Protein backbone atom coordinates (compact mmCIF):
# COMPACT_ATOMS: atom_id res chain seq x y z
CA MET A 1 0.03 0.09 0.07
CA ASP A 2 1.22 3.52 -0.88
CA PRO A 3 2.56 5.29 2.30
CA VAL A 4 0.32 8.29 1.81
CA GLN A 5 -2.70 6.04 1.53
CA ARG A 6 -1.82 4.29 4.58
CA ARG A 7 -1.46 7.60 6.39
CA SER A 8 -4.83 8.74 5.19
CA ASP A 9 -6.50 5.32 6.23
CA GLY A 10 -4.81 5.58 9.53
CA ARG A 11 -6.16 9.25 10.12
CA SER A 12 -9.53 8.18 8.91
CA LEU A 13 -9.68 5.18 11.34
CA LEU A 14 -8.51 7.17 14.34
CA GLY A 15 -11.39 9.99 13.35
CA VAL A 16 -13.94 7.31 13.29
CA GLY A 17 -12.91 5.86 16.54
CA LEU A 18 -12.78 9.34 18.19
CA VAL A 19 -16.17 10.49 16.92
CA VAL A 20 -17.81 7.12 17.86
CA ALA A 21 -16.03 7.49 21.40
CA SER A 22 -17.44 10.84 21.61
CA ALA A 23 -21.04 9.76 20.80
CA CYS A 24 -20.89 6.75 22.99
CA SER A 25 -19.75 9.32 25.88
CA TYR A 26 -22.63 11.72 25.07
CA GLY A 27 -24.78 8.58 25.45
CA THR A 28 -24.16 8.59 29.06
CA LEU A 29 -25.32 12.07 29.72
CA ALA A 30 -28.86 10.83 30.40
CA ILE A 31 -27.95 7.96 32.59
CA PHE A 32 -25.80 10.31 34.78
CA GLY A 33 -28.82 12.54 35.00
CA LYS A 34 -31.13 9.72 36.17
CA LEU A 35 -28.59 8.49 38.63
CA ALA A 36 -28.18 12.09 40.03
CA TYR A 37 -31.93 12.41 40.42
CA SER A 38 -32.17 9.23 42.24
CA HIS A 39 -29.43 10.40 44.44
CA GLY A 40 -31.64 13.53 45.43
CA ILE A 41 -29.56 16.11 43.51
CA ALA A 42 -31.85 18.92 42.29
CA LEU A 43 -31.90 19.93 38.44
CA PRO A 44 -30.53 23.48 39.04
CA THR A 45 -27.82 22.11 41.42
CA LEU A 46 -26.63 19.30 38.87
CA LEU A 47 -26.44 21.73 35.99
CA SER A 48 -24.91 24.55 38.00
CA TYR A 49 -21.82 22.25 38.90
CA ARG A 50 -21.70 20.44 35.72
CA PHE A 51 -21.14 23.65 33.73
CA ILE A 52 -19.03 25.58 36.43
CA LEU A 53 -16.52 22.49 36.49
CA ALA A 54 -16.50 21.79 32.75
CA ALA A 55 -15.98 25.53 32.14
CA LEU A 56 -12.95 25.47 34.51
CA VAL A 57 -11.56 22.27 32.65
CA PHE A 58 -11.95 24.00 29.31
CA TRP A 59 -10.35 27.51 30.42
CA VAL A 60 -7.29 25.40 31.52
CA LEU A 61 -7.00 23.99 28.11
CA VAL A 62 -7.41 27.23 26.62
CA ALA A 63 -4.48 28.72 28.84
CA LEU A 64 -2.43 25.72 27.74
CA ARG A 65 -3.09 26.45 24.14
CA ALA A 66 -2.86 30.43 24.56
CA PRO A 67 -3.51 32.67 23.00
CA ALA A 68 -6.44 30.51 21.03
CA LEU A 69 -9.37 32.78 22.34
CA PRO A 70 -12.40 33.80 20.42
CA PRO A 71 -12.17 36.96 18.18
CA ARG A 72 -13.35 40.08 19.84
CA GLY A 73 -16.46 40.27 17.75
CA ARG A 74 -17.70 36.79 18.78
CA TRP A 75 -17.81 36.98 22.36
CA LEU A 76 -21.18 38.25 22.83
CA PRO A 77 -22.74 35.81 20.34
CA LEU A 78 -21.03 32.84 22.25
CA VAL A 79 -22.20 34.33 25.56
CA ALA A 80 -25.74 34.36 24.13
CA MET A 81 -25.37 30.88 22.90
CA GLY A 82 -24.55 29.85 26.46
CA ALA A 83 -27.02 31.96 28.57
CA ALA A 84 -30.13 31.43 26.17
CA GLY A 85 -29.74 28.59 23.78
CA TYR A 86 -27.55 26.14 26.05
CA VAL A 87 -29.69 27.01 29.14
CA GLY A 88 -32.98 26.70 27.54
CA GLN A 89 -31.87 23.27 25.83
CA SER A 90 -30.39 21.90 28.92
CA ALA A 91 -33.34 22.96 30.90
CA SER A 92 -35.96 21.13 28.63
CA TYR A 93 -33.60 18.13 28.21
CA PHE A 94 -33.20 17.51 31.78
CA GLY A 95 -36.71 18.54 32.70
CA ALA A 96 -37.88 15.79 30.46
CA LEU A 97 -35.56 13.42 32.09
CA ARG A 98 -37.01 13.83 35.52
CA LEU A 99 -40.47 12.83 34.10
CA ILE A 100 -39.80 10.33 31.21
CA PRO A 101 -37.41 7.47 30.62
CA ALA A 102 -33.64 8.18 29.56
CA SER A 103 -34.30 6.27 26.25
CA THR A 104 -37.33 8.20 25.29
CA THR A 105 -35.58 11.58 26.23
CA SER A 106 -32.62 10.71 23.99
CA LEU A 107 -34.60 9.59 21.10
CA LEU A 108 -36.86 12.66 21.19
CA LEU A 109 -33.88 14.78 21.38
CA TYR A 110 -32.51 13.05 18.09
CA THR A 111 -35.35 14.38 16.13
CA PHE A 112 -33.21 17.67 15.92
CA PRO A 113 -31.79 16.63 12.43
CA ALA A 114 -35.28 16.72 11.00
CA VAL A 115 -36.01 19.97 12.74
CA VAL A 116 -32.77 21.57 11.42
CA THR A 117 -33.61 20.57 8.11
CA LEU A 118 -37.02 22.15 8.22
CA LEU A 119 -35.65 25.40 9.76
CA ALA A 120 -32.76 25.43 7.15
CA ALA A 121 -35.45 25.35 4.33
CA LEU A 122 -37.56 28.17 6.11
CA LEU A 123 -34.47 30.45 7.19
CA PHE A 124 -31.88 29.76 4.61
CA HIS A 125 -34.05 28.54 1.59
CA GLU A 126 -32.48 25.26 1.49
CA LEU A 127 -34.27 22.98 -1.16
CA LEU A 128 -36.23 20.15 0.35
CA SER A 129 -35.63 17.42 -2.22
CA THR A 130 -37.67 14.13 -2.50
CA GLY A 131 -34.97 12.50 -0.36
CA LYS A 132 -35.08 14.88 2.43
CA LEU A 133 -38.92 14.67 2.34
CA ILE A 134 -38.92 10.95 2.77
CA ALA A 135 -36.52 11.28 5.55
CA LEU A 136 -38.56 13.79 7.24
CA ALA A 137 -41.59 11.58 6.87
CA VAL A 138 -39.58 8.62 8.31
CA ALA A 139 -38.65 10.92 11.30
CA LEU A 140 -42.30 11.99 11.84
CA ILE A 141 -43.55 8.32 11.88
CA GLY A 142 -40.55 7.43 14.32
CA THR A 143 -41.56 10.40 16.61
CA VAL A 144 -45.03 9.28 16.59
CA LEU A 145 -44.37 5.79 17.61
CA VAL A 146 -42.09 6.84 20.27
CA VAL A 147 -44.42 9.14 21.78
CA GLN A 148 -47.46 6.74 21.26
CA ALA A 149 -45.38 4.25 23.21
CA GLN A 150 -45.06 6.37 26.25
CA LEU A 151 -48.34 8.44 26.19
CA GLN A 152 -50.33 6.19 28.57
CA SER A 153 -47.49 5.66 31.15
CA VAL A 154 -45.72 8.91 31.61
CA PRO A 155 -46.75 12.74 31.98
CA ALA A 156 -47.38 14.39 28.80
CA LEU A 157 -45.26 17.37 29.85
CA GLY A 158 -42.14 15.30 29.89
CA LEU A 159 -42.69 14.26 26.16
CA VAL A 160 -43.36 17.81 25.25
CA LEU A 161 -40.17 18.97 27.13
CA GLY A 162 -38.38 16.01 25.17
CA LEU A 163 -39.60 17.72 21.89
CA MET A 164 -38.73 21.17 23.24
CA SER A 165 -35.09 20.14 23.65
CA ALA A 166 -34.73 19.16 20.27
CA GLY A 167 -36.29 22.48 19.03
CA PHE A 168 -33.96 24.28 21.41
CA TYR A 169 -30.98 22.62 20.14
CA SER A 170 -31.96 22.95 16.39
CA SER A 171 -32.34 26.68 16.90
CA TYR A 172 -28.90 26.56 18.79
CA ILE A 173 -26.94 24.77 16.37
CA LEU A 174 -28.16 26.79 13.24
CA TYR A 175 -27.19 29.97 15.20
CA ALA A 176 -23.85 28.29 16.02
CA SER A 177 -23.25 27.51 12.24
CA ARG A 178 -23.04 31.23 11.75
CA VAL A 179 -21.00 32.13 14.78
CA LEU A 180 -18.64 29.28 15.26
CA PRO A 181 -16.71 29.23 11.79
CA GLY A 182 -13.35 30.72 12.72
CA VAL A 183 -13.43 30.47 16.36
CA PRO A 184 -11.07 28.06 18.17
CA PRO A 185 -13.51 25.33 19.47
CA ILE A 186 -12.05 24.86 22.88
CA ALA A 187 -12.31 28.47 23.59
CA ALA A 188 -15.81 28.41 22.10
CA SER A 189 -16.75 25.62 24.46
CA ALA A 190 -15.10 27.43 27.38
CA THR A 191 -17.08 30.54 26.84
CA ILE A 192 -20.58 29.07 26.29
CA MET A 193 -20.14 26.96 29.30
CA THR A 194 -19.18 29.74 31.41
CA ALA A 195 -22.37 31.54 30.30
CA ALA A 196 -24.41 28.68 31.04
CA ALA A 197 -22.90 28.32 34.29
CA ALA A 198 -23.33 31.93 35.37
CA VAL A 199 -27.14 31.47 34.54
CA TRP A 200 -27.48 28.18 36.26
CA ALA A 201 -25.58 29.19 39.28
CA ALA A 202 -27.38 32.50 39.67
CA TYR A 203 -30.89 30.64 39.52
CA ALA A 204 -29.57 27.93 41.91
CA GLY A 205 -28.36 30.46 44.22
CA ALA A 206 -31.47 32.47 44.20
CA THR A 207 -33.68 29.40 44.88
CA GLY A 208 -31.40 28.07 47.52
CA GLN A 209 -30.27 25.15 45.46
CA LEU A 210 -26.85 25.69 45.09
CA GLY A 211 -25.70 23.70 48.16
CA LEU A 212 -24.40 20.15 47.51
CA ARG A 213 -23.99 17.13 49.76
CA ALA A 214 -20.43 16.37 49.45
CA ASP A 215 -20.60 12.62 50.11
CA GLY A 216 -18.41 9.99 47.84
CA ALA A 217 -21.58 9.05 45.72
CA THR A 218 -22.33 12.68 44.98
CA LEU A 219 -18.69 13.45 43.99
CA TRP A 220 -18.36 10.54 41.75
CA LEU A 221 -21.60 11.38 40.13
CA LEU A 222 -20.44 14.85 39.21
CA THR A 223 -16.93 13.77 38.20
CA GLY A 224 -18.47 11.25 35.63
CA PHE A 225 -21.15 13.77 34.54
CA VAL A 226 -18.44 16.49 34.10
CA LEU A 227 -15.65 14.44 32.45
CA MET A 228 -17.14 11.29 30.79
CA ALA A 229 -20.37 12.99 29.65
CA THR A 230 -19.25 16.59 28.91
CA VAL A 231 -15.46 17.31 28.59
CA PHE A 232 -14.37 13.82 27.16
CA PRO A 233 -16.97 13.80 24.33
CA VAL A 234 -16.23 17.60 23.37
CA LEU A 235 -12.67 16.96 22.94
CA THR A 236 -12.58 13.56 21.17
CA PHE A 237 -15.01 15.22 18.66
CA VAL A 238 -13.08 18.32 18.13
CA ILE A 239 -10.19 16.06 17.41
CA GLY A 240 -11.80 13.52 15.38
CA MET A 241 -14.27 15.33 13.13
CA PRO A 242 -11.80 17.29 11.04
CA LEU A 243 -10.13 13.79 10.24
CA ILE A 244 -13.35 12.21 8.66
CA GLY A 245 -15.40 15.35 7.77
CA PRO A 246 -18.76 16.75 9.02
CA SER A 247 -21.19 14.43 7.16
CA ARG A 248 -19.42 11.22 8.33
CA ALA A 249 -19.11 12.58 11.88
CA ALA A 250 -22.92 13.47 11.83
CA ILE A 251 -23.69 10.00 10.75
CA LEU A 252 -21.52 8.31 13.39
CA SER A 253 -22.92 10.59 16.15
CA THR A 254 -26.12 8.48 16.01
CA PHE A 255 -24.39 6.08 18.17
CA GLU A 256 -25.30 8.56 20.77
CA PRO A 257 -29.04 7.59 21.16
CA ALA A 258 -28.28 3.78 20.56
CA THR A 259 -25.77 4.11 23.42
CA THR A 260 -28.35 5.76 25.84
CA VAL A 261 -31.10 3.17 24.85
CA LEU A 262 -28.69 0.19 25.70
CA LEU A 263 -27.21 1.74 29.03
CA ALA A 264 -30.85 2.57 30.00
CA VAL A 265 -31.78 -1.04 29.71
CA VAL A 266 -28.52 -2.44 31.24
CA ILE A 267 -27.94 0.18 34.07
CA LEU A 268 -31.47 1.61 34.84
CA GLY A 269 -33.52 -1.49 34.03
CA GLU A 270 -35.79 0.39 31.69
CA VAL A 271 -37.90 -1.64 29.47
CA ALA A 272 -39.90 -0.21 26.61
CA ARG A 273 -42.58 -1.38 24.19
CA PRO A 274 -41.38 -2.80 20.83
CA ILE A 275 -43.19 -0.03 19.26
CA GLN A 276 -40.73 2.47 20.97
CA TYR A 277 -37.84 0.61 19.77
CA LEU A 278 -39.18 0.74 16.02
CA GLY A 279 -39.87 4.31 16.41
CA GLY A 280 -36.34 5.03 17.79
CA SER A 281 -34.99 3.09 14.76
CA LEU A 282 -36.86 5.15 12.28
CA ILE A 283 -35.62 8.31 13.98
CA ILE A 284 -32.06 7.23 13.85
CA LEU A 285 -32.42 6.19 10.31
CA ALA A 286 -33.94 9.52 9.38
CA ALA A 287 -30.94 11.30 11.11
CA ILE A 288 -28.65 9.25 8.84
CA LEU A 289 -30.46 9.99 5.77
CA LEU A 290 -30.50 13.77 6.72
CA GLU A 291 -26.59 13.84 6.90
CA ALA A 292 -25.89 13.69 3.25
CA PRO A 293 -22.64 15.67 2.12
CA GLY A 294 -23.12 19.16 0.87
CA TRP A 295 -26.46 19.71 2.92
CA LEU A 296 -26.72 23.01 4.91
CA ALA A 297 -28.50 21.26 7.65
CA ALA A 298 -26.01 18.34 7.94
CA ARG A 299 -23.03 20.82 8.25
CA ALA A 300 -24.96 22.92 10.93
CA THR A 301 -25.74 19.77 13.03
CA VAL A 302 -22.02 18.88 13.33
CA GLN A 303 -21.07 21.11 16.44
CA PRO A 304 -18.73 20.30 19.30
CA ILE A 305 -21.03 21.59 21.98
CA ARG A 306 -23.98 19.29 22.58
CA GLU A 307 -27.09 18.94 25.14
């Protein structure tokens, strides 16, 4: 084999491994959230410490890579992404997680490629081809099946919040597609998380929910929540995505909901009706179909900052 081709194949394989590792790590987010709730940690407390600690880690990385800071004109948009978009998305996602199963929450969030495609058509005048319309129909059918499977057994508010998380995230990443190009990804992550941390900490402090029980289980949960479900997946995605390109990275990111569903069964003991698994499979299939190379929506959905 040609040495250049061998190096290219090696870089591609490394990129695939890093992006899959990132997706699987993101897949633990809902599991850590459920475990934290079962341990008595309130949502504002959980998210305050998640964003505070993650922001500290990322600012340390920025310092080590100085002077890789965001351009002066991007600070305010990045703060807005964290204080509004990231806070809204995390509030709806983890709010849903309190009311409905982790697997359902993750699958409802993953309707976001379909939402992004529709918003890209409305806002950026991207054409809706026959292939996209078929994928959107598949996503809609899958979403209906997932909702129908849970409608009689969980609060409807949880399902609404799960769908709202997809809406918030779709708006967030379309805005990010205009703000993040040219911004060092680690510095962008640090800035966005700092803004989110400030909002959540202010809310938690104002409502008397900033205090934390510092026992061993709580510390282990927060460590996993911050490092395994937040910092590690961002870093591995940032490194891996340039090696394989945005479209392949977006497709491989569908390992995330699959990982959540698997871990929810193994760790949390969740059992869903077959109709939910069918619906989830359709949602993931639609996400893959909507990540075709060259589509604006596909490029927009590949961002290092996730839920």
